[in-house]
Protein backbone atom coordinates (compact mmCIF):
# COMPACT_ATOMS: atom_id res chain seq x y z
CA MET A 1 151.08 23.11 83.96
CA SER A 2 149.89 24.83 80.78
CA GLN A 3 150.20 28.58 80.48
CA ARG A 4 146.42 29.03 80.21
CA LEU A 5 145.74 26.91 83.31
CA SER A 6 148.49 28.70 85.20
CA LEU A 7 146.97 32.07 84.31
CA LEU A 8 143.49 30.92 85.38
CA LEU A 9 144.83 29.63 88.69
CA LEU A 10 146.67 32.91 89.27
CA ILE A 11 143.44 34.89 88.72
CA VAL A 12 141.50 32.64 91.13
CA VAL A 13 144.21 32.92 93.78
CA ASN A 14 144.24 36.72 93.62
CA LEU A 15 140.46 36.82 93.90
CA LEU A 16 140.50 34.55 96.94
CA ILE A 17 143.13 36.57 98.84
CA PRO A 18 140.78 39.47 99.84
CA ILE A 19 137.97 36.99 100.52
CA ALA A 20 140.19 35.03 102.94
CA ILE A 21 141.28 38.24 104.67
CA LEU A 22 137.68 39.47 104.96
CA ILE A 23 136.43 36.18 106.44
CA PHE A 24 139.28 36.11 108.96
CA ALA A 25 138.84 39.77 109.87
CA THR A 26 135.10 39.40 110.56
CA GLY A 27 135.95 36.64 113.01
CA PHE A 28 138.94 38.38 114.58
CA PHE A 29 137.34 41.79 115.19
CA PRO A 30 134.17 41.07 117.19
CA TYR A 31 131.25 43.46 117.39
CA LYS A 32 131.66 46.14 120.05
CA PRO A 33 128.74 48.47 120.82
CA PHE A 34 129.50 52.17 120.55
CA ILE A 35 127.40 54.96 122.07
CA PRO A 36 127.87 58.32 120.31
CA GLY A 37 127.66 61.71 121.97
CA ARG A 38 128.75 63.08 125.35
CA ALA A 39 127.64 61.90 128.77
CA THR A 40 125.66 64.23 131.00
CA PHE A 41 124.40 64.02 134.56
CA GLN A 42 120.93 62.54 134.11
CA ASP A 43 119.07 62.88 137.37
CA SER A 44 120.63 64.69 140.31
CA ASP A 45 117.70 63.73 142.55
CA ASN A 46 118.81 60.10 142.39
CA GLY A 47 122.40 60.80 143.27
CA ASP A 48 123.95 61.06 139.80
CA GLN A 49 125.49 64.48 140.50
CA LEU A 50 128.04 64.47 143.29
CA VAL A 51 127.72 67.16 145.97
CA PHE A 52 131.33 68.16 145.46
CA ALA A 53 134.50 67.11 143.65
CA PRO A 54 137.67 67.06 145.78
CA PHE A 55 139.82 68.15 142.82
CA ASN A 56 139.48 70.72 140.03
CA LYS A 57 142.67 70.04 138.04
CA VAL A 58 144.56 66.93 136.98
CA ILE A 59 148.18 66.41 135.98
CA PHE A 60 148.39 63.11 134.15
CA MET A 61 151.95 61.84 133.77
CA VAL A 62 152.48 58.73 131.63
CA VAL A 63 155.90 57.12 131.74
CA ASP A 64 155.94 54.77 128.78
CA ALA A 65 156.53 51.12 129.77
CA LEU A 66 156.48 51.91 133.52
CA ARG A 67 156.09 48.29 134.44
CA ARG A 68 155.46 46.77 137.84
CA LEU A 69 157.41 43.61 138.62
CA ILE A 70 158.18 41.85 141.89
CA SER A 71 161.30 41.64 143.93
CA ILE A 72 161.69 37.95 144.55
CA LEU A 73 161.73 36.86 148.17
CA ARG A 74 163.88 33.79 148.63
CA HIS A 75 164.30 32.07 151.99
CA GLY A 76 163.20 35.16 153.86
CA SER A 77 165.63 37.58 152.26
CA ILE A 78 165.72 39.63 149.08
CA ASN A 79 167.91 38.30 146.33
CA HIS A 80 169.04 41.70 145.02
CA ALA A 81 171.40 40.18 142.50
CA LYS A 82 168.72 38.21 140.72
CA ALA A 83 165.60 40.22 141.43
CA PRO A 84 164.25 42.07 138.41
CA SER A 85 164.60 45.85 138.54
CA ASP A 86 161.11 47.03 139.35
CA PHE A 87 160.38 50.52 138.10
CA VAL A 88 158.42 51.99 141.03
CA TYR A 89 157.72 49.86 144.10
CA SER A 90 160.74 47.63 144.78
CA TYR A 91 164.04 48.12 146.56
CA GLU A 92 165.81 48.39 143.20
CA SER A 93 163.59 51.24 141.99
CA GLY A 94 164.86 54.74 141.31
CA PHE A 95 161.54 56.29 142.41
CA LYS A 96 162.69 57.07 145.95
CA PHE A 97 160.63 60.25 146.42
CA THR A 98 157.51 58.53 145.07
CA GLN A 99 158.06 55.71 147.55
CA ALA A 100 158.31 58.28 150.36
CA LEU A 101 154.95 59.74 149.29
CA ILE A 102 153.41 56.25 149.38
CA ARG A 103 154.69 55.73 152.92
CA SER A 104 153.31 59.11 154.02
CA GLY A 105 149.84 58.53 152.60
CA ALA A 106 150.14 61.33 150.03
CA ALA A 107 150.20 58.71 147.28
CA MET A 108 148.03 55.64 146.74
CA PRO A 109 149.72 52.86 144.73
CA PHE A 110 148.06 50.28 142.49
CA THR A 111 148.89 47.74 139.85
CA ALA A 112 146.85 48.58 136.72
CA HIS A 113 146.07 45.53 134.61
CA ALA A 114 146.43 46.38 130.91
CA THR A 115 144.83 43.94 128.48
CA SER A 116 146.68 43.08 125.29
CA PRO A 117 147.61 44.51 122.86
CA THR A 118 150.11 46.25 125.14
CA ILE A 119 151.20 49.08 122.87
CA THR A 120 150.63 52.78 123.27
CA MET A 121 147.64 53.72 121.10
CA PRO A 122 145.18 51.08 122.37
CA ARG A 123 146.35 51.64 125.94
CA VAL A 124 145.77 55.40 125.69
CA LYS A 125 142.32 54.67 124.29
CA ALA A 126 141.57 52.39 127.25
CA ILE A 127 142.83 54.96 129.76
CA THR A 128 140.85 57.87 128.31
CA THR A 129 137.59 56.16 127.31
CA GLY A 130 137.49 53.32 129.83
CA SER A 131 136.74 50.91 126.97
CA ILE A 132 138.49 47.75 125.80
CA PRO A 133 140.83 48.33 122.82
CA SER A 134 140.78 46.35 119.59
CA PHE A 135 143.67 44.60 117.86
CA LEU A 136 142.89 46.88 114.92
CA ASP A 137 144.55 49.59 117.01
CA VAL A 138 147.84 47.68 116.73
CA ILE A 139 147.85 48.40 112.98
CA LEU A 140 146.85 52.03 113.46
CA ASN A 141 149.53 52.46 116.14
CA PHE A 142 152.26 52.19 113.51
CA ALA A 143 150.62 54.40 110.90
CA GLU A 144 152.50 57.65 111.44
CA SER A 145 150.07 59.63 109.28
CA ASP A 146 146.94 57.90 110.58
CA THR A 147 144.03 60.15 111.50
CA THR A 148 141.19 57.65 111.14
CA SER A 149 141.55 56.31 114.67
CA ASN A 150 141.29 59.61 116.55
CA LEU A 151 138.91 60.04 119.46
CA ALA A 152 137.63 63.49 118.50
CA SER A 153 134.07 62.16 118.14
CA GLN A 154 134.17 59.86 121.17
CA ASP A 155 133.40 60.56 124.79
CA THR A 156 136.57 60.63 126.92
CA TRP A 157 137.56 62.15 130.23
CA LEU A 158 139.63 64.68 128.27
CA ALA A 159 136.52 65.81 126.38
CA GLN A 160 134.53 65.98 129.60
CA LEU A 161 137.28 67.93 131.32
CA LYS A 162 137.50 70.37 128.43
CA GLU A 163 133.72 70.94 128.51
CA GLN A 164 133.86 72.04 132.12
CA ARG A 165 133.65 75.76 132.74
CA GLY A 166 136.93 77.32 131.63
CA GLY A 167 138.26 73.91 130.63
CA LYS A 168 141.63 74.01 128.84
CA LEU A 169 144.08 71.17 128.26
CA VAL A 170 147.82 71.16 127.54
CA MET A 171 149.92 68.23 126.39
CA TYR A 172 153.65 67.47 126.06
CA GLY A 173 155.28 64.25 124.95
CA ASP A 174 154.30 61.30 122.75
CA ASP A 175 152.49 62.66 119.68
CA THR A 176 150.08 59.70 119.81
CA TRP A 177 147.94 61.94 122.02
CA LEU A 178 147.90 64.66 119.35
CA LYS A 179 146.74 62.14 116.73
CA LEU A 180 144.04 60.75 118.99
CA PHE A 181 142.85 64.15 120.20
CA PRO A 182 143.25 66.69 117.37
CA ASP A 183 142.38 70.31 118.21
CA THR A 184 141.98 69.39 121.88
CA PHE A 185 144.99 71.08 123.49
CA VAL A 186 145.54 74.83 123.73
CA ARG A 187 149.30 74.25 124.00
CA SER A 188 151.20 71.15 122.96
CA ASP A 189 154.58 69.87 121.88
CA GLY A 190 154.65 66.35 120.49
CA THR A 191 157.58 63.95 120.12
CA SER A 192 157.80 60.85 117.94
CA SER A 193 157.96 57.50 119.71
CA PHE A 194 159.86 55.71 116.95
CA PHE A 195 163.36 57.18 117.41
CA VAL A 196 164.24 54.59 120.03
CA SER A 197 167.93 55.53 120.16
CA ASP A 198 166.99 58.84 121.78
CA PHE A 199 167.02 58.47 125.58
CA THR A 200 167.49 62.11 126.49
CA GLU A 201 166.11 64.77 124.15
CA VAL A 202 162.75 63.01 123.83
CA ASP A 203 162.19 63.57 127.59
CA ASP A 204 163.95 66.93 127.91
CA ASN A 205 161.49 68.24 125.32
CA VAL A 206 158.70 67.49 127.81
CA THR A 207 160.43 68.57 131.00
CA ARG A 208 161.38 72.01 129.69
CA HIS A 209 157.70 73.00 129.61
CA ILE A 210 156.89 71.98 133.20
CA PRO A 211 158.12 75.03 135.18
CA SER A 212 156.20 77.53 133.05
CA GLU A 213 153.01 75.42 133.00
CA LEU A 214 153.05 74.97 136.78
CA LYS A 215 153.04 78.79 137.10
CA ARG A 216 150.02 79.16 134.82
CA SER A 217 146.48 78.85 136.12
CA ASP A 218 144.60 78.82 132.80
CA TRP A 219 144.39 75.02 132.38
CA ASN A 220 142.54 72.29 134.25
CA GLY A 221 144.32 69.33 132.66
CA MET A 222 147.99 68.75 131.78
CA ILE A 223 149.10 65.57 130.02
CA MET A 224 152.74 64.49 129.90
CA HIS A 225 153.96 61.34 128.17
CA TYR A 226 157.63 60.43 128.65
CA LEU A 227 159.24 57.98 126.20
CA GLY A 228 162.87 57.70 127.33
CA LEU A 229 162.39 54.76 129.69
CA ASP A 230 160.62 52.76 126.98
CA HIS A 231 163.41 53.56 124.51
CA ILE A 232 166.04 52.30 126.94
CA GLY A 233 164.11 49.06 127.27
CA HIS A 234 163.88 48.57 123.51
CA LYS A 235 167.59 49.19 123.01
CA SER A 236 169.15 47.38 125.96
CA GLY A 237 166.43 45.82 128.13
CA PRO A 238 165.06 46.51 131.62
CA ARG A 239 168.40 45.73 133.29
CA SER A 240 170.26 48.38 131.31
CA PRO A 241 172.66 50.58 133.34
CA ASN A 242 170.68 53.53 131.93
CA MET A 243 167.44 52.34 133.56
CA ILE A 244 167.92 53.42 137.19
CA PRO A 245 169.21 56.92 136.26
CA LYS A 246 166.15 57.35 134.01
CA GLN A 247 163.85 56.25 136.82
CA SER A 248 165.54 58.76 139.13
CA GLU A 249 165.03 61.46 136.49
CA MET A 250 161.31 60.65 136.33
CA ASP A 251 161.15 60.63 140.13
CA GLY A 252 162.66 64.11 140.09
CA ILE A 253 159.78 65.27 137.88
CA VAL A 254 157.31 63.78 140.36
CA GLU A 255 158.98 65.72 143.19
CA GLN A 256 158.99 68.95 141.19
CA ILE A 257 155.26 68.69 140.48
CA TYR A 258 154.36 67.61 144.02
CA ARG A 259 156.27 70.53 145.54
CA ALA A 260 154.39 72.90 143.21
CA ILE A 261 151.05 71.40 144.31
CA GLU A 262 152.06 72.03 147.92
CA THR A 263 153.17 75.63 147.39
CA GLU A 264 151.18 77.10 144.49
CA GLU A 265 147.73 78.30 145.56
CA HIS A 266 146.09 77.57 142.20
CA LEU A 267 147.34 73.95 142.34
CA ARG A 268 146.12 73.11 145.85
CA SER A 269 143.19 71.06 144.49
CA THR A 270 145.19 69.30 141.79
CA LEU A 271 145.20 65.52 141.41
CA PHE A 272 148.49 64.13 140.15
CA VAL A 273 148.38 60.72 138.43
CA LEU A 274 151.56 58.78 137.61
CA CYS A 275 151.12 55.68 135.48
CA GLY A 276 152.50 53.50 132.74
CA ASP A 277 150.58 52.77 129.56
CA HIS A 278 151.96 49.22 129.48
CA GLY A 279 154.84 47.20 130.90
CA MET A 280 157.99 45.68 129.46
CA ASN A 281 159.23 42.10 129.15
CA GLU A 282 162.74 40.90 129.94
CA ALA A 283 163.80 41.61 126.34
CA GLY A 284 162.69 45.23 126.74
CA ASN A 285 159.74 44.86 124.36
CA HIS A 286 155.97 44.84 124.72
CA GLY A 287 152.83 44.10 122.76
CA GLY A 288 151.99 40.67 124.13
CA SER A 289 150.23 39.38 127.23
CA ALA A 290 153.13 38.43 129.53
CA GLU A 291 152.59 39.59 133.11
CA SER A 292 155.48 42.04 132.92
CA GLU A 293 153.82 43.61 129.84
CA THR A 294 150.30 43.81 131.28
CA SER A 295 151.13 45.15 134.77
CA PRO A 296 152.09 48.84 134.68
CA ALA A 297 152.20 50.90 137.84
CA LEU A 298 149.48 53.40 138.77
CA VAL A 299 149.86 56.00 141.54
CA PHE A 300 147.38 58.71 142.62
CA ILE A 301 149.23 61.58 144.30
CA SER A 302 148.01 64.60 146.29
CA PRO A 303 148.49 66.03 149.80
CA LYS A 304 144.70 65.67 150.15
CA LEU A 305 145.02 61.89 150.04
CA GLN A 306 146.51 61.95 153.54
CA THR A 307 143.00 62.63 154.85
CA ILE A 308 141.78 59.22 153.63
CA CYS A 309 145.00 57.18 153.48
CA LYS A 310 147.39 56.27 156.29
CA GLY A 311 150.15 55.24 153.93
CA SER A 312 151.52 51.91 152.74
CA GLU A 313 154.79 50.10 153.17
CA CYS A 314 157.15 50.98 150.33
CA PRO A 315 159.46 49.66 148.97
CA VAL A 316 158.10 46.16 149.28
CA ALA A 317 159.26 42.67 148.46
CA LEU A 318 156.61 40.03 147.88
CA PRO A 319 156.72 36.24 147.79
CA GLU A 320 157.32 34.81 144.36
CA SER A 321 153.84 33.27 144.20
CA THR A 322 151.85 36.51 144.57
CA PHE A 323 152.88 38.34 141.39
CA SER A 324 151.22 41.56 142.50
CA TYR A 325 151.96 44.85 144.22
CA TYR A 326 149.17 46.41 146.26
CA THR A 327 145.62 46.37 144.85
CA THR A 328 145.23 45.34 141.22
CA VAL A 329 142.70 47.38 139.23
CA GLU A 330 141.80 47.46 135.57
CA GLN A 331 143.41 50.21 133.51
CA SER A 332 139.91 51.14 132.32
CA ASP A 333 139.01 51.97 135.95
CA ILE A 334 141.01 55.19 135.61
CA ALA A 335 138.26 56.88 133.56
CA PRO A 336 135.33 56.61 136.03
CA THR A 337 137.66 57.29 138.95
CA LEU A 338 138.82 60.57 137.43
CA ALA A 339 135.21 61.43 136.62
CA GLY A 340 134.24 61.12 140.27
CA LEU A 341 137.30 62.87 141.65
CA LEU A 342 136.99 65.84 139.26
CA GLY A 343 133.20 66.01 139.13
CA PHE A 344 132.28 65.31 135.50
CA PRO A 345 130.06 62.59 133.93
CA ILE A 346 131.57 59.17 133.26
CA PRO A 347 132.36 58.69 129.52
CA LEU A 348 129.54 56.90 127.72
CA ASN A 349 131.54 53.88 126.51
CA ASN A 350 133.36 53.28 129.77
CA LEU A 351 133.60 49.74 131.16
CA GLY A 352 135.68 50.73 134.17
CA VAL A 353 134.52 50.66 137.79
CA PHE A 354 135.35 53.39 140.30
CA ILE A 355 138.39 52.42 142.39
CA PRO A 356 136.91 51.88 145.88
CA ASP A 357 140.04 52.91 147.77
CA LEU A 358 139.32 56.54 146.75
CA LEU A 359 135.72 56.63 147.98
CA GLY A 360 136.81 58.04 151.33
CA PHE A 361 136.39 61.62 150.11
CA TRP A 362 132.57 61.32 150.32
CA ASP A 363 129.96 60.37 152.86
CA GLU A 364 128.04 57.14 152.46
CA ASP A 365 125.11 58.59 150.53
CA ALA A 366 127.41 60.26 148.00
CA ARG A 367 129.36 57.01 147.59
CA ILE A 368 126.18 55.13 146.78
CA GLY A 369 125.17 57.82 144.28
CA LEU A 370 128.54 57.72 142.58
CA LEU A 371 128.53 53.93 142.25
CA LEU A 372 124.94 53.92 140.99
CA GLN A 373 125.92 56.44 138.31
CA ASN A 374 128.70 54.06 137.28
CA ALA A 375 126.33 51.06 137.25
CA ARG A 376 123.70 52.83 135.13
CA GLN A 377 126.34 53.96 132.64
CA ILE A 378 127.66 50.41 132.22
CA LEU A 379 124.09 49.15 131.88
CA ASP A 380 123.67 51.22 128.71
CA ILE A 381 126.59 49.36 127.10
CA VAL A 382 125.32 46.00 128.34
CA ARG A 383 121.95 46.70 126.70
CA GLY A 384 123.74 47.49 123.44
CA THR A 385 125.40 44.06 123.54
CA PHE A 386 122.42 42.14 124.97
CA PRO A 387 119.34 43.94 123.57
CA GLY A 388 116.97 41.65 125.48
CA LEU A 389 118.24 42.82 128.87
CA SER A 390 115.52 44.28 131.07
CA SER A 391 114.90 44.95 134.73
CA SER A 392 112.42 42.10 134.99
CA GLY A 393 113.60 38.62 135.78
CA PRO A 394 114.63 36.29 138.61
CA GLU A 395 114.99 37.87 142.02
CA THR A 396 116.77 35.21 144.04
CA LEU A 397 120.44 34.33 144.20
CA ASP A 398 119.64 30.75 143.16
CA ASP A 399 118.07 32.06 139.95
CA CYS A 400 121.19 34.13 139.23
CA ILE A 401 123.39 31.09 139.76
CA LEU A 402 121.26 29.10 137.33
CA ALA A 403 121.33 31.92 134.74
CA GLN A 404 124.53 30.68 133.14
CA PRO A 405 124.55 32.67 129.85
CA ALA A 406 126.26 36.03 130.31
CA GLY A 407 123.23 38.07 129.23
CA GLU A 408 120.88 36.20 131.55
CA THR A 409 123.27 36.52 134.48
CA LEU A 410 123.56 40.29 133.98
CA ARG A 411 119.80 40.61 133.58
CA CYS A 412 119.35 38.79 136.87
CA LEU A 413 121.91 40.88 138.72
CA TRP A 414 120.53 44.15 137.37
CA SER A 415 116.99 43.13 138.25
CA ASN A 416 118.04 42.55 141.84
CA ALA A 417 120.00 45.82 141.98
CA ALA A 418 117.18 47.80 140.35
CA GLY A 419 114.79 46.64 143.07
CA LEU A 420 116.97 48.24 145.71
CA ILE A 421 117.63 51.38 143.67
CA ASP A 422 113.90 52.03 143.48
CA VAL A 423 113.62 51.75 147.27
CA PRO A 424 116.66 53.65 148.60
CA GLY A 425 115.55 53.32 152.21
CA GLN A 426 116.17 49.59 152.08
CA ILE A 427 119.85 49.96 151.17
CA GLU A 428 122.32 48.88 153.83
CA THR A 429 125.16 51.22 152.95
CA ALA A 430 128.27 49.26 153.96
CA PRO A 431 127.30 45.96 152.24
CA ALA A 432 126.05 47.88 149.22
CA LEU A 433 129.35 49.77 148.84
CA HIS A 434 131.27 46.53 149.13
CA ALA A 435 129.09 44.81 146.56
CA LEU A 436 129.14 47.69 144.10
CA THR A 437 132.92 47.83 143.98
CA GLN A 438 134.11 44.23 143.96
CA VAL A 439 133.18 40.65 143.16
CA ASN A 440 134.06 37.85 145.53
CA ASN A 441 134.91 34.31 144.49
CA ARG A 442 132.38 33.20 141.93
CA TRP A 443 128.93 33.51 143.53
CA ALA A 444 130.44 33.44 147.07
CA PHE A 445 128.45 36.49 148.22
CA ILE A 446 128.69 37.88 151.73
CA ASN A 447 125.03 38.35 152.66
CA PRO A 448 121.56 38.73 151.11
CA ILE A 449 122.06 42.49 150.51
CA THR A 450 125.51 42.09 149.01
CA GLU A 451 124.29 39.41 146.62
CA ARG A 452 122.02 41.97 144.97
CA TRP A 453 124.82 44.46 144.15
CA GLN A 454 127.24 42.56 141.98
CA PHE A 455 126.21 44.11 138.68
CA SER A 456 128.97 46.67 137.91
CA LYS A 457 132.04 44.53 138.41
CA HIS A 458 130.50 41.42 136.89
CA ALA A 459 129.31 43.45 133.90
CA GLN A 460 132.87 44.74 133.45
CA ASP A 461 134.19 41.17 133.38
CA VAL A 462 131.52 40.00 130.94
CA MET A 463 131.85 42.96 128.59
CA SER A 464 135.65 42.73 128.65
CA SER A 465 135.42 39.11 127.60
CA THR A 466 132.97 39.87 124.79
CA ALA A 467 135.57 42.25 123.33
CA SER A 468 137.70 39.16 122.66
CA ASN A 469 134.94 36.71 121.74
CA TYR A 470 136.46 35.61 118.45
CA ASP A 471 134.35 33.71 115.92
CA LEU A 472 136.45 30.53 115.73
CA PRO A 473 134.65 28.97 112.74
CA ARG A 474 135.27 32.13 110.70
CA LEU A 475 138.88 32.27 111.87
CA CYS A 476 139.46 28.64 110.85
CA LEU A 477 137.70 29.16 107.52
CA GLY A 478 139.79 32.24 106.78
CA ILE A 479 143.03 30.48 107.72
CA GLY A 480 142.09 27.41 105.67
CA LEU A 481 141.24 29.49 102.64
CA ALA A 482 144.48 31.44 103.04
CA GLY A 483 146.33 28.12 103.13
CA LEU A 484 144.71 27.03 99.87
CA VAL A 485 145.62 30.40 98.36
CA THR A 486 149.24 29.91 99.43
CA VAL A 487 149.41 26.44 97.90
CA GLY A 488 147.77 27.69 94.71
CA GLY A 489 150.11 30.67 94.52
CA ILE A 490 153.21 28.51 94.95
CA ALA A 491 151.97 26.09 92.31
CA THR A 492 151.45 29.02 89.93
CA VAL A 493 154.92 30.54 90.30
CA TYR A 494 156.82 27.34 91.08
CA THR A 495 158.67 27.21 87.79
CA ALA A 496 159.71 30.85 87.85
CA LEU A 497 160.61 30.73 91.54
CA PHE A 498 163.04 27.86 91.23
CA GLU A 499 164.34 28.65 87.78
CA THR A 500 167.61 29.78 89.38
CA GLN A 501 168.73 27.49 92.17
CA ALA A 502 170.28 30.18 94.39
CA THR A 503 167.31 32.51 94.02
CA GLY A 504 164.84 29.75 94.81
CA LEU A 505 166.81 28.58 97.82
CA TRP A 506 167.10 32.11 99.18
CA SER A 507 163.39 32.84 98.66
CA SER A 508 162.44 29.61 100.40
CA ILE A 509 164.64 30.41 103.41
CA VAL A 510 163.19 33.92 103.71
CA PHE A 511 159.57 32.72 103.42
CA ILE A 512 160.06 29.94 105.98
CA ALA A 513 161.95 32.18 108.42
CA TYR A 514 159.32 34.89 108.09
CA GLY A 515 156.60 32.35 108.86
CA PHE A 516 158.36 31.27 112.05
CA MET A 517 158.97 34.89 113.08
CA MET A 518 155.23 35.54 113.10
CA PHE A 519 155.06 33.46 116.30
CA ALA A 520 157.73 35.53 118.09
CA SER A 521 156.77 37.60 121.13
CA SER A 522 156.38 41.33 120.39
CA TYR A 523 157.34 40.72 116.74
CA VAL A 524 154.78 43.36 115.81
CA GLU A 525 157.29 45.98 116.96
CA GLU A 526 160.45 44.34 115.63
CA GLU A 527 159.54 43.25 112.09
CA GLN A 528 161.81 45.87 110.53
CA HIS A 529 164.86 44.07 111.89
CA PHE A 530 163.97 40.90 110.00
CA TRP A 531 163.60 42.71 106.67
CA TYR A 532 166.73 44.77 107.32
CA TRP A 533 168.92 41.68 107.68
CA ALA A 534 167.10 39.74 104.95
CA SER A 535 167.51 42.52 102.38
CA SER A 536 171.09 43.27 103.45
CA SER A 537 172.06 39.61 103.11
CA TRP A 538 170.41 39.36 99.70
CA LEU A 539 172.19 42.46 98.41
CA GLY A 540 175.46 41.09 99.77
CA TRP A 541 174.88 37.80 97.96
CA LEU A 542 174.17 39.60 94.69
CA LEU A 543 177.39 41.62 95.11
CA LEU A 544 179.47 38.49 95.71
CA LYS A 545 177.81 36.72 92.82
CA ARG A 546 178.94 39.47 90.44
């Protein structure tokens, strides 16, 4: 190849690289409607404003990578030797006090489904906004100095809690919260999540603040994010001998906080939430969509829960085929549930649905009002995605079944629901509550009233799927163009690359190995290991060559 032709090809290749990336990115990051501003209670006459909130403070404790797995039941007995070490609910768990609370009814356990990507920043976004995170957050999660992805301008339950009368928030732990919520906390102490060899100090730095904060009464929200358990997983996996002692340490924190709620007068109406942001696979990593990565534990804790909950069996061992502990909810359901329990508006961009197990604090009319508030809020996002949605349309179940496109189905369901909302006297409370909070097998509705109240949960499913509606033609075009760029680039530098046999061989091995590594599970968090060994080996080769 002549020098002039090689130069021309090199220029073309470099021009095509950003074009290929842009085409792929526009297909990989689908449009997601965003509603600016802060939510407010719109119309108290129609039940938007709850009569009362059972709680006025929240302690939100995140234990990083607090996964939920199953103890395997084989031939009617627990195989303790082979069963994976579940972090909260199983016989192998170190959370013995938490399990006692679950049995007493003072704690309500759930499995919170976390959609991928299962890393901290997008999961915190999902928990606080109720929205579905983007894979763009994976990139921002590793940018230590990143401030472009903060949620200062977005509506979250933290912002709503802070706007309440006398609202003050404190935060201790993973500094991801400080990046996402700048100037939000009156007191804070952040720790970096990337020193994975630290199992102790990273958690002690959080725990040391707890006694003094539990004595204070000037805050209505305390966030704690513990990293030690996640670090143990990354270094030595979920079966590490350090895992059970760390779980017991976290369980001790739960007991300390619960005892304070019982004894301190200013904490009597405090809701305590224990949860994981994501899970952990058998290698101790996360980021993908394996069940162990997408199934963190979620526990609501308060002495007040004993008035609506009789308790659940715990620890439990489930058959191998069930793959679930207790009720499974979406992680985004945390946002509207906290809004109802603490009496503030649901964040504007929320796609979560109020967890029905906690509706027992209200009478039937208040439950209907709360769920209608949730439905109307989700409707605003649906209209942003499907602008043609209106309250007019088919009014029979058969029409809804025939309305196969997502937008038409939602329009049909909302039309039916809106008809009942406008005539409250026609609402049969029990079927309406059931229909507002869950969806049965596809279109297998219970009765004519229930069939008109499927909007909220079905809208959540549809809108969650639209967040991952990738444009496949654009993706293929971007990948194809990138392939041509690669071929053109290799052809351009072929002579220089293989001028020295050893250098060319080494470069080829590195490029091929790196390509294969891109398909590895959770590689997004482990890429540094590849380049560490590749560069070390290359430097060693150069030293030997001399």
